[in-house]
N, C-alpha and C. Protein backbone atom coordinates (compact mmCIF):
# COMPACT_ATOMS: atom_id res chain seq x y z
N MET A 1 0.84 -1.18 0.00
CA MET A 1 0.00 0.00 0.00
C MET A 1 0.88 1.25 0.00
N ILE A 2 0.49 2.21 -0.79
CA ILE A 2 1.18 3.50 -0.84
C ILE A 2 0.36 4.48 -0.03
N GLU A 3 1.00 5.23 0.85
CA GLU A 3 0.27 6.17 1.70
C GLU A 3 0.80 7.58 1.55
N ILE A 4 -0.12 8.52 1.51
CA ILE A 4 0.22 9.94 1.54
C ILE A 4 -0.50 10.52 2.76
N ASN A 5 0.25 11.12 3.65
CA ASN A 5 -0.32 11.84 4.77
C ASN A 5 -0.10 13.32 4.47
N ILE A 6 -1.17 14.01 4.11
CA ILE A 6 -1.04 15.39 3.66
C ILE A 6 -0.43 16.27 4.74
N ALA A 7 -0.89 16.15 5.97
CA ALA A 7 -0.41 17.02 7.05
C ALA A 7 1.07 16.77 7.37
N ARG A 8 1.49 15.52 7.36
CA ARG A 8 2.88 15.20 7.69
C ARG A 8 3.81 15.38 6.50
N GLY A 9 3.35 15.04 5.30
CA GLY A 9 4.24 15.04 4.16
C GLY A 9 4.16 16.22 3.23
N PHE A 10 3.13 17.07 3.41
CA PHE A 10 2.98 18.21 2.50
C PHE A 10 2.77 19.51 3.27
N THR A 11 1.64 19.67 3.92
CA THR A 11 1.37 20.90 4.67
C THR A 11 0.22 20.69 5.64
N THR A 12 0.22 21.44 6.73
CA THR A 12 -0.93 21.46 7.63
C THR A 12 -1.88 22.60 7.27
N LEU A 13 -1.49 23.39 6.26
CA LEU A 13 -2.32 24.52 5.81
C LEU A 13 -2.54 24.44 4.30
N PRO A 14 -3.42 23.54 3.85
CA PRO A 14 -3.70 23.46 2.42
C PRO A 14 -4.17 24.82 1.91
N GLY A 15 -3.67 25.17 0.74
CA GLY A 15 -3.92 26.51 0.23
C GLY A 15 -4.84 26.56 -0.97
N PRO A 16 -4.53 27.47 -1.89
CA PRO A 16 -5.39 27.72 -3.04
C PRO A 16 -5.25 26.68 -4.14
N ARG A 17 -5.89 26.94 -5.26
CA ARG A 17 -5.86 26.04 -6.41
C ARG A 17 -4.48 25.97 -7.06
N TYR A 18 -3.93 27.11 -7.42
CA TYR A 18 -2.70 27.16 -8.24
C TYR A 18 -1.49 27.66 -7.45
N ARG A 19 -0.32 27.22 -7.88
CA ARG A 19 0.94 27.62 -7.25
C ARG A 19 1.09 29.14 -7.15
N ASP A 20 0.74 29.83 -8.23
CA ASP A 20 0.97 31.28 -8.25
C ASP A 20 -0.01 32.04 -7.34
N GLN A 21 -0.94 31.33 -6.71
CA GLN A 21 -1.88 31.96 -5.79
C GLN A 21 -1.43 31.87 -4.34
N GLY A 22 -0.40 31.08 -4.07
CA GLY A 22 0.09 30.98 -2.70
C GLY A 22 0.63 29.60 -2.38
N PRO A 23 1.20 29.46 -1.18
CA PRO A 23 1.81 28.19 -0.78
C PRO A 23 0.79 27.11 -0.49
N GLY A 24 1.25 25.86 -0.59
CA GLY A 24 0.41 24.71 -0.26
C GLY A 24 -0.74 24.50 -1.22
N SER A 25 -0.54 24.81 -2.48
CA SER A 25 -1.63 24.75 -3.46
C SER A 25 -1.98 23.32 -3.85
N GLY A 26 -3.19 23.17 -4.36
CA GLY A 26 -3.63 21.90 -4.91
C GLY A 26 -2.77 21.48 -6.08
N GLN A 27 -2.39 22.43 -6.90
CA GLN A 27 -1.52 22.15 -8.05
C GLN A 27 -0.17 21.60 -7.59
N GLN A 28 0.42 22.21 -6.57
CA GLN A 28 1.70 21.74 -6.05
C GLN A 28 1.57 20.33 -5.47
N PHE A 29 0.50 20.10 -4.69
CA PHE A 29 0.28 18.77 -4.13
C PHE A 29 0.11 17.73 -5.23
N LEU A 30 -0.66 18.06 -6.26
CA LEU A 30 -0.87 17.16 -7.38
C LEU A 30 0.46 16.81 -8.05
N GLU A 31 1.24 17.80 -8.38
CA GLU A 31 2.47 17.59 -9.15
C GLU A 31 3.57 16.92 -8.34
N GLU A 32 3.71 17.28 -7.07
CA GLU A 32 4.84 16.79 -6.28
C GLU A 32 4.55 15.54 -5.46
N HIS A 33 3.28 15.27 -5.14
CA HIS A 33 2.96 14.15 -4.26
C HIS A 33 1.95 13.17 -4.86
N LEU A 34 0.81 13.69 -5.26
CA LEU A 34 -0.28 12.81 -5.69
C LEU A 34 0.03 12.10 -7.00
N LYS A 35 0.45 12.82 -8.00
CA LYS A 35 0.73 12.21 -9.30
C LYS A 35 1.85 11.18 -9.22
N PRO A 36 2.99 11.47 -8.56
CA PRO A 36 4.03 10.43 -8.45
C PRO A 36 3.54 9.17 -7.73
N ALA A 37 2.75 9.34 -6.66
CA ALA A 37 2.23 8.17 -5.94
C ALA A 37 1.24 7.40 -6.81
N PHE A 38 0.42 8.10 -7.56
CA PHE A 38 -0.54 7.48 -8.46
C PHE A 38 0.18 6.67 -9.54
N LEU A 39 1.21 7.25 -10.14
CA LEU A 39 1.96 6.54 -11.17
C LEU A 39 2.64 5.29 -10.62
N ARG A 40 3.16 5.38 -9.40
CA ARG A 40 3.76 4.22 -8.76
C ARG A 40 2.71 3.15 -8.51
N ALA A 41 1.51 3.57 -8.09
CA ALA A 41 0.42 2.62 -7.83
C ALA A 41 -0.01 1.92 -9.12
N ARG A 42 -0.03 2.64 -10.22
CA ARG A 42 -0.38 2.03 -11.51
C ARG A 42 0.62 0.93 -11.86
N GLU A 43 1.89 1.18 -11.64
CA GLU A 43 2.93 0.21 -11.97
C GLU A 43 2.88 -1.02 -11.07
N THR A 44 2.65 -0.81 -9.79
CA THR A 44 2.71 -1.90 -8.82
C THR A 44 1.36 -2.55 -8.53
N LYS A 45 0.29 -2.01 -9.14
CA LYS A 45 -1.07 -2.53 -8.94
C LYS A 45 -1.51 -2.41 -7.48
N GLU A 46 -1.09 -1.33 -6.83
CA GLU A 46 -1.48 -1.05 -5.45
C GLU A 46 -2.48 0.08 -5.42
N GLN A 47 -3.00 0.38 -4.24
CA GLN A 47 -3.84 1.54 -4.04
C GLN A 47 -3.05 2.60 -3.30
N VAL A 48 -3.46 3.84 -3.48
CA VAL A 48 -2.88 4.95 -2.72
C VAL A 48 -3.89 5.34 -1.65
N THR A 49 -3.48 5.27 -0.40
CA THR A 49 -4.32 5.71 0.71
C THR A 49 -3.90 7.11 1.08
N ILE A 50 -4.86 8.02 1.09
CA ILE A 50 -4.57 9.41 1.40
C ILE A 50 -5.17 9.74 2.75
N GLN A 51 -4.30 10.02 3.70
CA GLN A 51 -4.69 10.38 5.05
C GLN A 51 -4.95 11.89 5.07
N LEU A 52 -6.19 12.26 5.36
CA LEU A 52 -6.62 13.66 5.27
C LEU A 52 -6.60 14.39 6.61
N ASP A 53 -6.50 13.67 7.72
CA ASP A 53 -6.55 14.31 9.03
C ASP A 53 -5.24 15.04 9.34
N GLY A 54 -5.33 15.98 10.27
CA GLY A 54 -4.14 16.66 10.77
C GLY A 54 -3.92 18.06 10.23
N VAL A 55 -4.72 18.50 9.26
CA VAL A 55 -4.56 19.87 8.78
C VAL A 55 -5.26 20.81 9.76
N GLN A 56 -4.85 22.07 9.76
CA GLN A 56 -5.33 23.00 10.79
C GLN A 56 -6.75 23.52 10.56
N TYR A 57 -7.08 23.92 9.36
CA TYR A 57 -8.36 24.58 9.13
C TYR A 57 -9.20 23.93 8.04
N GLY A 58 -8.96 22.67 7.76
CA GLY A 58 -9.70 21.98 6.72
C GLY A 58 -9.11 22.22 5.35
N TYR A 59 -9.88 21.85 4.33
CA TYR A 59 -9.41 21.90 2.94
C TYR A 59 -10.24 22.87 2.12
N PRO A 60 -9.59 23.83 1.48
CA PRO A 60 -10.34 24.67 0.55
C PRO A 60 -10.86 23.84 -0.62
N THR A 61 -12.04 24.16 -1.07
CA THR A 61 -12.65 23.49 -2.21
C THR A 61 -11.71 23.51 -3.41
N SER A 62 -11.09 24.64 -3.66
CA SER A 62 -10.22 24.77 -4.83
C SER A 62 -9.01 23.86 -4.73
N PHE A 63 -8.48 23.64 -3.54
CA PHE A 63 -7.36 22.73 -3.34
C PHE A 63 -7.77 21.31 -3.73
N LEU A 64 -8.90 20.85 -3.19
CA LEU A 64 -9.36 19.49 -3.44
C LEU A 64 -9.69 19.27 -4.91
N GLU A 65 -10.37 20.22 -5.52
CA GLU A 65 -10.76 20.05 -6.91
C GLU A 65 -9.54 20.04 -7.82
N GLU A 66 -8.59 20.92 -7.58
CA GLU A 66 -7.40 20.96 -8.44
C GLU A 66 -6.57 19.70 -8.29
N ALA A 67 -6.36 19.25 -7.07
CA ALA A 67 -5.53 18.06 -6.85
C ALA A 67 -6.22 16.80 -7.39
N PHE A 68 -7.40 16.50 -6.91
CA PHE A 68 -8.03 15.24 -7.25
C PHE A 68 -8.80 15.29 -8.57
N GLY A 69 -9.48 16.39 -8.83
CA GLY A 69 -10.10 16.56 -10.13
C GLY A 69 -9.05 16.66 -11.23
N GLY A 70 -7.95 17.33 -10.92
CA GLY A 70 -6.86 17.45 -11.88
C GLY A 70 -6.26 16.10 -12.24
N LEU A 71 -6.11 15.23 -11.24
CA LEU A 71 -5.59 13.89 -11.51
C LEU A 71 -6.56 13.12 -12.42
N ALA A 72 -7.85 13.24 -12.15
CA ALA A 72 -8.85 12.55 -12.97
C ALA A 72 -8.90 13.11 -14.39
N ARG A 73 -8.71 14.41 -14.54
CA ARG A 73 -8.69 14.98 -15.89
C ARG A 73 -7.51 14.44 -16.69
N GLU A 74 -6.42 14.17 -16.01
CA GLU A 74 -5.23 13.68 -16.70
C GLU A 74 -5.27 12.17 -16.97
N PHE A 75 -5.80 11.38 -16.03
CA PHE A 75 -5.70 9.92 -16.13
C PHE A 75 -7.03 9.20 -16.26
N GLY A 76 -8.12 9.90 -16.12
CA GLY A 76 -9.43 9.27 -16.25
C GLY A 76 -10.09 9.02 -14.91
N ILE A 77 -11.38 9.24 -14.90
CA ILE A 77 -12.16 9.15 -13.67
C ILE A 77 -12.12 7.75 -13.06
N GLU A 78 -12.39 6.72 -13.85
CA GLU A 78 -12.46 5.36 -13.30
C GLU A 78 -11.14 4.90 -12.71
N GLU A 79 -10.06 5.15 -13.41
CA GLU A 79 -8.77 4.69 -12.91
C GLU A 79 -8.41 5.40 -11.60
N VAL A 80 -8.69 6.68 -11.52
CA VAL A 80 -8.40 7.42 -10.29
C VAL A 80 -9.27 6.90 -9.15
N LEU A 81 -10.55 6.71 -9.39
CA LEU A 81 -11.43 6.18 -8.34
C LEU A 81 -10.99 4.79 -7.88
N ASN A 82 -10.49 3.97 -8.80
CA ASN A 82 -10.05 2.63 -8.44
C ASN A 82 -8.75 2.59 -7.65
N LEU A 83 -7.89 3.56 -7.85
CA LEU A 83 -6.57 3.50 -7.22
C LEU A 83 -6.43 4.34 -5.95
N LEU A 84 -7.40 5.24 -5.68
CA LEU A 84 -7.28 6.10 -4.49
C LEU A 84 -8.28 5.70 -3.42
N ARG A 85 -7.81 5.74 -2.18
CA ARG A 85 -8.64 5.56 -0.98
C ARG A 85 -8.43 6.77 -0.10
N PHE A 86 -9.48 7.21 0.58
CA PHE A 86 -9.38 8.39 1.43
C PHE A 86 -9.74 8.03 2.85
N GLU A 87 -8.96 8.54 3.80
CA GLU A 87 -9.20 8.28 5.21
C GLU A 87 -9.26 9.59 5.97
N SER A 88 -10.34 9.74 6.75
CA SER A 88 -10.47 10.87 7.64
C SER A 88 -11.42 10.52 8.77
N VAL A 89 -10.91 10.55 9.98
CA VAL A 89 -11.75 10.35 11.16
C VAL A 89 -12.41 11.68 11.51
N ALA A 90 -11.66 12.77 11.39
CA ALA A 90 -12.15 14.09 11.76
C ALA A 90 -13.26 14.60 10.84
N GLU A 91 -13.16 14.31 9.54
CA GLU A 91 -14.14 14.78 8.56
C GLU A 91 -14.48 13.65 7.58
N PRO A 92 -15.31 12.69 8.01
CA PRO A 92 -15.62 11.55 7.14
C PRO A 92 -16.29 11.93 5.82
N MET A 93 -16.95 13.08 5.74
CA MET A 93 -17.61 13.50 4.50
C MET A 93 -16.61 13.94 3.44
N LEU A 94 -15.34 14.10 3.79
CA LEU A 94 -14.34 14.45 2.79
C LEU A 94 -14.24 13.40 1.70
N ASP A 95 -14.43 12.15 2.04
CA ASP A 95 -14.42 11.08 1.04
C ASP A 95 -15.47 11.36 -0.03
N PHE A 96 -16.69 11.66 0.38
CA PHE A 96 -17.77 11.97 -0.55
C PHE A 96 -17.42 13.20 -1.39
N GLU A 97 -16.93 14.23 -0.74
CA GLU A 97 -16.61 15.48 -1.43
C GLU A 97 -15.52 15.27 -2.49
N ILE A 98 -14.46 14.58 -2.13
CA ILE A 98 -13.36 14.36 -3.08
C ILE A 98 -13.82 13.47 -4.23
N ARG A 99 -14.59 12.45 -3.93
CA ARG A 99 -15.11 11.59 -5.01
C ARG A 99 -16.01 12.38 -5.96
N HIS A 100 -16.73 13.34 -5.43
CA HIS A 100 -17.54 14.22 -6.29
C HIS A 100 -16.64 14.97 -7.27
N TYR A 101 -15.54 15.53 -6.78
CA TYR A 101 -14.63 16.27 -7.67
C TYR A 101 -14.02 15.36 -8.72
N ILE A 102 -13.72 14.14 -8.34
CA ILE A 102 -13.16 13.19 -9.30
C ILE A 102 -14.22 12.84 -10.36
N LYS A 103 -15.42 12.51 -9.91
CA LYS A 103 -16.48 12.10 -10.84
C LYS A 103 -16.90 13.22 -11.79
N HIS A 104 -16.73 14.45 -11.37
CA HIS A 104 -17.12 15.60 -12.18
C HIS A 104 -15.91 16.35 -12.71
N ALA A 105 -14.82 15.65 -12.88
CA ALA A 105 -13.57 16.30 -13.31
C ALA A 105 -13.67 16.92 -14.69
N LYS A 106 -14.56 16.45 -15.51
CA LYS A 106 -14.72 17.03 -16.85
C LYS A 106 -15.56 18.30 -16.81
N ASP A 107 -16.25 18.53 -15.67
CA ASP A 107 -17.07 19.73 -15.52
C ASP A 107 -16.18 20.94 -15.26
N THR A 108 -16.79 22.06 -15.10
CA THR A 108 -16.06 23.28 -14.79
C THR A 108 -15.42 23.15 -13.42
N PRO A 109 -14.13 23.45 -13.26
CA PRO A 109 -13.49 23.40 -11.95
C PRO A 109 -14.23 24.30 -10.96
N GLY A 110 -14.35 23.80 -9.74
CA GLY A 110 -14.91 24.60 -8.67
C GLY A 110 -16.35 24.31 -8.33
N THR A 111 -17.04 23.39 -9.01
CA THR A 111 -18.40 23.06 -8.61
C THR A 111 -18.36 22.31 -7.29
N SER A 112 -19.18 22.67 -6.37
CA SER A 112 -19.11 22.12 -5.03
C SER A 112 -20.25 21.16 -4.73
N PRO A 113 -19.92 20.00 -4.12
CA PRO A 113 -20.97 19.07 -3.72
C PRO A 113 -21.66 19.51 -2.44
N ARG A 114 -21.12 20.51 -1.75
CA ARG A 114 -21.68 20.90 -0.46
C ARG A 114 -23.12 21.37 -0.58
N SER A 115 -23.47 21.92 -1.72
CA SER A 115 -24.85 22.36 -1.91
C SER A 115 -25.79 21.17 -2.04
N ALA A 116 -25.26 19.99 -2.35
CA ALA A 116 -26.09 18.79 -2.50
C ALA A 116 -26.27 18.05 -1.18
N ILE A 117 -25.52 18.44 -0.18
CA ILE A 117 -25.58 17.73 1.11
C ILE A 117 -26.71 18.28 1.96
C-alpha cells in the first residue's frame, strides 16, 4: 500500500488552487505528491491511501478540486477512483466530497458538492 499523509508530508495549511496563488496549493500537491504516488500505484497494482486528518483549518474546495479533479482529468475518472482511498476520522464527509470532484472532473473546476448535502 502506498500512503500519503497530507499534514505530515505536505502541509498542515492546504492553500489555493494554483501555485501562483500561494503556498500549499492543490496544483503543487498534485504535481509533487499525488501524481508520483498514483503513477507508482499504476505500476505496482497497489492503491494509494490518502490520510486527510491533521490539517489545521480543513481543505479549501479549490485545493481538493485541483488536486483530485486534476488527476482525474489527466488519467481518467475510473482509474483514479479505483486507485485512491481516502481516510479521515475528523471529517468523514471528505471522502464523498473528493469523489464528487473526481467524478465531475470534466465539468467546470470549482463546482461544489456541499450544496447537495
